[in-house]
PDB file of N, CA and C in Angstrom:
ATOM      1  N   MET A   1     137.229 134.244  94.913  1.00  0.00           N
ATOM      2  CA  MET A   1     138.610 133.838  95.086  1.00  0.00           C
ATOM      3  C   MET A   1     139.033 132.829  94.009  1.00  0.00           C
ATOM      4  N   PHE A   2     138.096 131.957  93.604  1.00  0.00           N
ATOM      5  CA  PHE A   2     138.441 130.969  92.584  1.00  0.00           C
ATOM      6  C   PHE A   2     138.785 131.660  91.266  1.00  0.00           C
ATOM      7  N   LYS A   3     137.979 132.662  90.887  1.00  0.00           N
ATOM      8  CA  LYS A   3     138.245 133.404  89.646  1.00  0.00           C
ATOM      9  C   LYS A   3     139.612 134.093  89.718  1.00  0.00           C
ATOM     10  N   LEU A   4     139.930 134.658  90.861  1.00  0.00           N
ATOM     11  CA  LEU A   4     141.224 135.308  91.039  1.00  0.00           C
ATOM     12  C   LEU A   4     142.361 134.295  90.937  1.00  0.00           C
ATOM     13  N   LEU A   5     142.170 133.121  91.511  1.00  0.00           N
ATOM     14  CA  LEU A   5     143.180 132.075  91.430  1.00  0.00           C
ATOM     15  C   LEU A   5     143.421 131.647  89.984  1.00  0.00           C
ATOM     16  N   VAL A   6     142.344 131.467  89.224  1.00  0.00           N
ATOM     17  CA  VAL A   6     142.477 131.083  87.812  1.00  0.00           C
ATOM     18  C   VAL A   6     143.203 132.179  87.042  1.00  0.00           C
ATOM     19  N   TRP A   7     142.828 133.428  87.275  1.00  0.00           N
ATOM     20  CA  TRP A   7     143.467 134.574  86.599  1.00  0.00           C
ATOM     21  C   TRP A   7     144.957 134.616  86.936  1.00  0.00           C
ATOM     22  N   ASP A   8     145.296 134.426  88.211  1.00  0.00           N
ATOM     23  CA  ASP A   8     146.701 134.440  88.632  1.00  0.00           C
ATOM     24  C   ASP A   8     147.488 133.296  88.000  1.00  0.00           C
ATOM     25  N   CYS A   9     146.881 132.119  87.924  1.00  0.00           N
ATOM     26  CA  CYS A   9     147.571 130.971  87.328  1.00  0.00           C
ATOM     27  C   CYS A   9     147.838 131.204  85.845  1.00  0.00           C
ATOM     28  N   CYS A  10     146.875 131.780  85.142  1.00  0.00           N
ATOM     29  CA  CYS A  10     147.082 132.077  83.716  1.00  0.00           C
ATOM     30  C   CYS A  10     148.180 133.111  83.536  1.00  0.00           C
ATOM     31  N   ALA A  11     148.185 134.139  84.376  1.00  0.00           N
ATOM     32  CA  ALA A  11     149.222 135.170  84.290  1.00  0.00           C
ATOM     33  C   ALA A  11     150.586 134.575  84.574  1.00  0.00           C
ATOM     34  N   TRP A  12     150.678 133.707  85.568  1.00  0.00           N
ATOM     35  CA  TRP A  12     151.956 133.079  85.888  1.00  0.00           C
ATOM     36  C   TRP A  12     152.421 132.201  84.735  1.00  0.00           C
ATOM     37  N   SER A  13     151.480 131.545  84.050  1.00  0.00           N
ATOM     38  CA  SER A  13     151.847 130.718  82.891  1.00  0.00           C
ATOM     39  C   SER A  13     152.460 131.572  81.792  1.00  0.00           C
ATOM     40  N   ALA A  14     151.881 132.736  81.543  1.00  0.00           N
ATOM     41  CA  ALA A  14     152.437 133.638  80.529  1.00  0.00           C
ATOM     42  C   ALA A  14     153.795 134.176  80.976  1.00  0.00           C
ATOM     43  N   TRP A  15     153.921 134.501  82.259  1.00  0.00           N
ATOM     44  CA  TRP A  15     155.151 135.074  82.816  1.00  0.00           C
ATOM     45  C   TRP A  15     156.359 134.190  82.543  1.00  0.00           C
ATOM     46  N   GLN A  16     156.189 132.889  82.614  1.00  0.00           N
ATOM     47  CA  GLN A  16     157.304 131.961  82.468  1.00  0.00           C
ATOM     48  C   GLN A  16     157.987 132.038  81.110  1.00  0.00           C
ATOM     49  N   PHE A  17     157.280 132.531  80.095  1.00  0.00           N
ATOM     50  CA  PHE A  17     157.826 132.502  78.742  1.00  0.00           C
ATOM     51  C   PHE A  17     158.369 133.844  78.272  1.00  0.00           C
ATOM     52  N   PHE A  18     158.284 134.874  79.099  1.00  0.00           N
ATOM     53  CA  PHE A  18     158.861 136.161  78.730  1.00  0.00           C
ATOM     54  C   PHE A  18     160.377 136.092  78.830  1.00  0.00           C
ATOM     55  N   GLN A  19     161.036 136.808  77.935  1.00  0.00           N
ATOM     56  CA  GLN A  19     162.485 136.927  78.001  1.00  0.00           C
ATOM     57  C   GLN A  19     162.855 138.402  77.910  1.00  0.00           C
ATOM     58  N   VAL A  20     163.962 138.760  78.517  1.00  0.00           N
ATOM     59  CA  VAL A  20     164.436 140.146  78.522  1.00  0.00           C
ATOM     60  C   VAL A  20     165.852 140.187  77.971  1.00  0.00           C
ATOM     61  N   LYS A  21     166.252 141.378  77.513  1.00  0.00           N
ATOM     62  CA  LYS A  21     167.615 141.542  76.995  1.00  0.00           C
ATOM     63  C   LYS A  21     168.596 141.689  78.140  1.00  0.00           C
ATOM     64  N   ASP A  22     169.751 141.080  77.972  1.00  0.00           N
ATOM     65  CA  ASP A  22     170.822 141.292  78.943  1.00  0.00           C
ATOM     66  C   ASP A  22     171.699 142.439  78.468  1.00  0.00           C
ATOM     67  N   ARG A  23     172.783 142.680  79.143  1.00  0.00           N
ATOM     68  CA  ARG A  23     173.669 143.807  78.805  1.00  0.00           C
ATOM     69  C   ARG A  23     174.276 143.690  77.413  1.00  0.00           C
ATOM     70  N   LYS A  24     174.419 142.470  76.928  1.00  0.00           N
ATOM     71  CA  LYS A  24     174.998 142.252  75.600  1.00  0.00           C
ATOM     72  C   LYS A  24     173.957 142.272  74.488  1.00  0.00           C
ATOM     73  N   GLY A  25     172.686 142.460  74.857  1.00  0.00           N
ATOM     74  CA  GLY A  25     171.626 142.509  73.848  1.00  0.00           C
ATOM     75  C   GLY A  25     171.010 141.159  73.518  1.00  0.00           C
ATOM     76  N   ASN A  26     171.437 140.112  74.223  1.00  0.00           N
ATOM     77  CA  ASN A  26     170.875 138.783  74.005  1.00  0.00           C
ATOM     78  C   ASN A  26     169.646 138.593  74.886  1.00  0.00           C
ATOM     79  N   TYR A  27     168.665 137.867  74.364  1.00  0.00           N
ATOM     80  CA  TYR A  27     167.471 137.594  75.162  1.00  0.00           C
ATOM     81  C   TYR A  27     167.694 136.376  76.050  1.00  0.00           C
ATOM     82  N   ARG A  28     167.197 136.466  77.286  1.00  0.00           N
ATOM     83  CA  ARG A  28     167.302 135.357  78.216  1.00  0.00           C
ATOM     84  C   ARG A  28     166.109 135.411  79.171  1.00  0.00           C
ATOM     85  N   ASP A  29     165.961 134.363  79.968  1.00  0.00           N
ATOM     86  CA  ASP A  29     164.869 134.320  80.928  1.00  0.00           C
ATOM     87  C   ASP A  29     164.989 135.479  81.908  1.00  0.00           C
ATOM     88  N   ILE A  30     163.865 135.866  82.484  1.00  0.00           N
ATOM     89  CA  ILE A  30     163.856 136.938  83.475  1.00  0.00           C
ATOM     90  C   ILE A  30     164.697 136.488  84.667  1.00  0.00           C
ATOM     91  N   PRO A  31     165.636 137.326  85.122  1.00  0.00           N
ATOM     92  CA  PRO A  31     166.493 136.900  86.239  1.00  0.00           C
ATOM     93  C   PRO A  31     165.710 136.748  87.541  1.00  0.00           C
ATOM     94  N   GLY A  32     166.169 135.850  88.383  1.00  0.00           N
ATOM     95  CA  GLY A  32     165.528 135.630  89.679  1.00  0.00           C
ATOM     96  C   GLY A  32     164.280 134.784  89.553  1.00  0.00           C
ATOM     97  N   THR A  33     163.406 134.925  90.522  1.00  0.00           N
ATOM     98  CA  THR A  33     162.148 134.195  90.519  1.00  0.00           C
ATOM     99  C   THR A  33     160.996 135.179  90.474  1.00  0.00           C
ATOM    100  N   TRP A  34     159.813 134.683  90.129  1.00  0.00           N
ATOM    101  CA  TRP A  34     158.643 135.551  90.004  1.00  0.00           C
ATOM    102  C   TRP A  34     158.280 136.214  91.330  1.00  0.00           C
ATOM    103  N   THR A  35     158.675 135.617  92.453  1.00  0.00           N
ATOM    104  CA  THR A  35     158.340 136.204  93.755  1.00  0.00           C
ATOM    105  C   THR A  35     159.137 137.472  94.045  1.00  0.00           C
ATOM    106  N   GLN A  36     160.184 137.735  93.270  1.00  0.00           N
ATOM    107  CA  GLN A  36     160.994 138.938  93.478  1.00  0.00           C
ATOM    108  C   GLN A  36     160.403 140.169  92.786  1.00  0.00           C
ATOM    109  N   TYR A  37     159.309 140.007  92.067  1.00  0.00           N
ATOM    110  CA  TYR A  37     158.733 141.103  91.299  1.00  0.00           C
ATOM    111  C   TYR A  37     157.360 141.466  91.831  1.00  0.00           C
ATOM    112  N   ALA A  38     157.085 142.771  91.938  1.00  0.00           N
ATOM    113  CA  ALA A  38     155.800 143.252  92.417  1.00  0.00           C
ATOM    114  C   ALA A  38     154.780 143.232  91.279  1.00  0.00           C
ATOM    115  N   GLY A  39     153.522 143.349  91.649  1.00  0.00           N
ATOM    116  CA  GLY A  39     152.445 143.357  90.663  1.00  0.00           C
ATOM    117  C   GLY A  39     152.478 144.533  89.715  1.00  0.00           C
ATOM    118  N   TYR A  40     153.228 145.583  90.053  1.00  0.00           N
ATOM    119  CA  TYR A  40     153.310 146.754  89.184  1.00  0.00           C
ATOM    120  C   TYR A  40     154.460 146.669  88.192  1.00  0.00           C
ATOM    121  N   PHE A  41     155.268 145.619  88.289  1.00  0.00           N
ATOM    122  CA  PHE A  41     156.360 145.418  87.340  1.00  0.00           C
ATOM    123  C   PHE A  41     155.753 145.272  85.943  1.00  0.00           C
ATOM    124  N   PRO A  42     156.272 145.974  84.926  1.00  0.00           N
ATOM    125  CA  PRO A  42     155.641 145.969  83.600  1.00  0.00           C
ATOM    126  C   PRO A  42     155.381 144.581  83.008  1.00  0.00           C
ATOM    127  N   LEU A  43     156.299 143.646  83.183  1.00  0.00           N
ATOM    128  CA  LEU A  43     156.054 142.307  82.635  1.00  0.00           C
ATOM    129  C   LEU A  43     154.957 141.570  83.386  1.00  0.00           C
ATOM    130  N   TRP A  44     154.807 141.855  84.682  1.00  0.00           N
ATOM    131  CA  TRP A  44     153.694 141.261  85.423  1.00  0.00           C
ATOM    132  C   TRP A  44     152.379 141.800  84.878  1.00  0.00           C
ATOM    133  N   ARG A  45     152.329 143.115  84.648  1.00  0.00           N
ATOM    134  CA  ARG A  45     151.096 143.706  84.105  1.00  0.00           C
ATOM    135  C   ARG A  45     150.807 143.154  82.724  1.00  0.00           C
ATOM    136  N   LEU A  46     151.845 142.961  81.909  1.00  0.00           N
ATOM    137  CA  LEU A  46     151.664 142.374  80.582  1.00  0.00           C
ATOM    138  C   LEU A  46     151.144 140.948  80.684  1.00  0.00           C
ATOM    139  N   SER A  47     151.637 140.191  81.648  1.00  0.00           N
ATOM    140  CA  SER A  47     151.187 138.802  81.776  1.00  0.00           C
ATOM    141  C   SER A  47     149.692 138.732  82.112  1.00  0.00           C
ATOM    142  N   TYR A  48     149.177 139.734  82.810  1.00  0.00           N
ATOM    143  CA  TYR A  48     147.740 139.768  83.085  1.00  0.00           C
ATOM    144  C   TYR A  48     146.949 140.287  81.886  1.00  0.00           C
ATOM    145  N   SER A  49     147.487 141.258  81.176  1.00  0.00           N
ATOM    146  CA  SER A  49     146.739 141.841  80.063  1.00  0.00           C
ATOM    147  C   SER A  49     146.739 140.950  78.823  1.00  0.00           C
ATOM    148  N   ILE A  50     147.625 139.970  78.758  1.00  0.00           N
ATOM    149  CA  ILE A  50     147.701 139.094  77.592  1.00  0.00           C
ATOM    150  C   ILE A  50     146.617 138.007  77.626  1.00  0.00           C
ATOM    151  N   ILE A  51     146.064 137.727  78.796  1.00  0.00           N
ATOM    152  CA  ILE A  51     145.074 136.656  78.950  1.00  0.00           C
ATOM    153  C   ILE A  51     143.854 136.835  78.038  1.00  0.00           C
ATOM    154  N   PRO A  52     143.257 138.034  77.945  1.00  0.00           N
ATOM    155  CA  PRO A  52     142.099 138.162  77.037  1.00  0.00           C
ATOM    156  C   PRO A  52     142.437 137.813  75.584  1.00  0.00           C
ATOM    157  N   TYR A  53     143.656 138.075  75.143  1.00  0.00           N
ATOM    158  CA  TYR A  53     144.052 137.737  73.782  1.00  0.00           C
ATOM    159  C   TYR A  53     144.167 136.218  73.602  1.00  0.00           C
ATOM    160  N   ILE A  54     144.652 135.541  74.639  1.00  0.00           N
ATOM    161  CA  ILE A  54     144.712 134.082  74.587  1.00  0.00           C
ATOM    162  C   ILE A  54     143.302 133.513  74.509  1.00  0.00           C
ATOM    163  N   CYS A  55     142.398 134.033  75.347  1.00  0.00           N
ATOM    164  CA  CYS A  55     140.999 133.579  75.326  1.00  0.00           C
ATOM    165  C   CYS A  55     140.367 133.835  73.968  1.00  0.00           C
ATOM    166  N   MET A  56     140.640 135.004  73.376  1.00  0.00           N
ATOM    167  CA  MET A  56     140.088 135.338  72.066  1.00  0.00           C
ATOM    168  C   MET A  56     140.585 134.353  71.011  1.00  0.00           C
ATOM    169  N   LYS A  57     141.854 133.977  71.066  1.00  0.00           N
ATOM    170  CA  LYS A  57     142.420 133.011  70.116  1.00  0.00           C
ATOM    171  C   LYS A  57     141.726 131.662  70.263  1.00  0.00           C
ATOM    172  N   PHE A  58     141.493 131.234  71.496  1.00  0.00           N
ATOM    173  CA  PHE A  58     140.776 129.971  71.721  1.00  0.00           C
ATOM    174  C   PHE A  58     139.372 130.032  71.126  1.00  0.00           C
ATOM    175  N   GLU A  59     138.659 131.129  71.380  1.00  0.00           N
ATOM    176  CA  GLU A  59     137.286 131.256  70.905  1.00  0.00           C
ATOM    177  C   GLU A  59     137.221 131.316  69.380  1.00  0.00           C
ATOM    178  N   GLN A  60     138.207 131.946  68.748  1.00  0.00           N
ATOM    179  CA  GLN A  60     138.246 132.005  67.287  1.00  0.00           C
ATOM    180  C   GLN A  60     138.380 130.613  66.686  1.00  0.00           C
ATOM    181  N   ASN A  61     138.991 129.705  67.412  1.00  0.00           N
ATOM    182  CA  ASN A  61     139.181 128.340  66.927  1.00  0.00           C
ATOM    183  C   ASN A  61     138.151 127.376  67.503  1.00  0.00           C
ATOM    184  N   GLY A  62     137.079 127.928  68.097  1.00  0.00           N
ATOM    185  CA  GLY A  62     136.002 127.095  68.605  1.00  0.00           C
ATOM    186  C   GLY A  62     136.319 126.349  69.880  1.00  0.00           C
ATOM    187  N   LEU A  63     137.311 126.820  70.612  1.00  0.00           N
ATOM    188  CA  LEU A  63     137.688 126.166  71.865  1.00  0.00           C
ATOM    189  C   LEU A  63     137.589 127.148  73.027  1.00  0.00           C
ATOM    190  N   GLY A  64     137.451 126.609  74.193  1.00  0.00           N
ATOM    191  CA  GLY A  64     137.524 127.364  75.435  1.00  0.00           C
ATOM    192  C   GLY A  64     138.417 126.589  76.375  1.00  0.00           C
ATOM    193  N   PHE A  65     138.677 127.146  77.527  1.00  0.00           N
ATOM    194  CA  PHE A  65     139.542 126.451  78.474  1.00  0.00           C
ATOM    195  C   PHE A  65     138.958 125.102  78.877  1.00  0.00           C
ATOM    196  N   GLN A  66     137.613 125.047  79.053  1.00  0.00           N
ATOM    197  CA  GLN A  66     137.003 123.781  79.454  1.00  0.00           C
ATOM    198  C   GLN A  66     137.135 122.734  78.354  1.00  0.00           C
ATOM    199  N   LYS A  67     136.933 123.138  77.096  1.00  0.00           N
ATOM    200  CA  LYS A  67     137.084 122.194  75.983  1.00  0.00           C
ATOM    201  C   LYS A  67     138.528 121.721  75.865  1.00  0.00           C
ATOM    202  N   LEU A  68     139.489 122.629  76.064  1.00  0.00           N
ATOM    203  CA  LEU A  68     140.896 122.230  76.036  1.00  0.00           C
ATOM    204  C   LEU A  68     141.198 121.247  77.161  1.00  0.00           C
ATOM    205  N   TYR A  69     140.611 121.481  78.316  1.00  0.00           N
ATOM    206  CA  TYR A  69     140.832 120.594  79.450  1.00  0.00           C
ATOM    207  C   TYR A  69     140.294 119.195  79.164  1.00  0.00           C
ATOM    208  N   ASN A  70     139.207 119.128  78.406  1.00  0.00           N
ATOM    209  CA  ASN A  70     138.565 117.845  78.121  1.00  0.00           C
ATOM    210  C   ASN A  70     139.199 117.090  76.952  1.00  0.00           C
ATOM    211  N   ILE A  71     140.150 117.696  76.245  1.00  0.00           N
ATOM    212  CA  ILE A  71     140.816 117.002  75.143  1.00  0.00           C
ATOM    213  C   ILE A  71     141.652 115.861  75.739  1.00  0.00           C
ATOM    214  N   PRO A  72     141.505 114.657  75.218  1.00  0.00           N
ATOM    215  CA  PRO A  72     142.270 113.528  75.776  1.00  0.00           C
ATOM    216  C   PRO A  72     143.779 113.750  75.655  1.00  0.00           C
ATOM    217  N   GLN A  73     144.502 113.189  76.592  1.00  0.00           N
ATOM    218  CA  GLN A  73     145.957 113.298  76.589  1.00  0.00           C
ATOM    219  C   GLN A  73     146.517 112.658  75.321  1.00  0.00           C
ATOM    220  N   GLY A  74     147.478 113.326  74.696  1.00  0.00           N
ATOM    221  CA  GLY A  74     148.113 112.806  73.494  1.00  0.00           C
ATOM    222  C   GLY A  74     147.513 113.328  72.204  1.00  0.00           C
ATOM    223  N   VAL A  75     146.336 113.982  72.275  1.00  0.00           N
ATOM    224  CA  VAL A  75     145.708 114.545  71.080  1.00  0.00           C
ATOM    225  C   VAL A  75     146.319 115.919  70.829  1.00  0.00           C
ATOM    226  N   GLU A  76     146.815 116.149  69.628  1.00  0.00           N
ATOM    227  CA  GLU A  76     147.453 117.422  69.309  1.00  0.00           C
ATOM    228  C   GLU A  76     146.430 118.415  68.769  1.00  0.00           C
ATOM    229  N   VAL A  77     146.598 119.662  69.154  1.00  0.00           N
ATOM    230  CA  VAL A  77     145.795 120.762  68.631  1.00  0.00           C
ATOM    231  C   VAL A  77     146.700 121.496  67.655  1.00  0.00           C
ATOM    232  N   PRO A  78     146.447 121.394  66.324  1.00  0.00           N
ATOM    233  CA  PRO A  78     147.415 121.889  65.346  1.00  0.00           C
ATOM    234  C   PRO A  78     147.763 123.378  65.448  1.00  0.00           C
ATOM    235  N   TRP A  79     146.836 124.222  65.851  1.00  0.00           N
ATOM    236  CA  TRP A  79     147.111 125.651  65.898  1.00  0.00           C
ATOM    237  C   TRP A  79     147.735 126.091  67.223  1.00  0.00           C
ATOM    238  N   LEU A  80     147.809 125.177  68.192  1.00  0.00           N
ATOM    239  CA  LEU A  80     148.353 125.506  69.505  1.00  0.00           C
ATOM    240  C   LEU A  80     149.687 124.786  69.687  1.00  0.00           C
ATOM    241  N   THR A  81     150.745 125.421  69.180  1.00  0.00           N
ATOM    242  CA  THR A  81     152.070 124.788  69.243  1.00  0.00           C
ATOM    243  C   THR A  81     152.886 125.458  70.355  1.00  0.00           C
ATOM    244  N   TYR A  82     153.972 124.824  70.728  1.00  0.00           N
ATOM    245  CA  TYR A  82     154.850 125.406  71.742  1.00  0.00           C
ATOM    246  C   TYR A  82     155.504 126.685  71.233  1.00  0.00           C
ATOM    247  N   GLN A  83     155.750 126.781  69.940  1.00  0.00           N
ATOM    248  CA  GLN A  83     156.370 127.993  69.402  1.00  0.00           C
ATOM    249  C   GLN A  83     155.416 129.159  69.529  1.00  0.00           C
TER     250      GLN A  83
END
């Protein structure tokens, strides 16, 4: 259950940053809340499938989730930007 919880939390973290096109062609946040979407919704499936790529990026830079967790507050990781 703990592994499932961690997987779900990572997927939810990715979900928050997806944007979709509106009728005018502009990108905006996904309408509604995440609880309104089933697990088979394509963006939900994408949020789960993107996790291995995030892990791979961390490993390529010599980091893992535990090492990131242990980084002191205020220390910047140059390759991990908000953009």
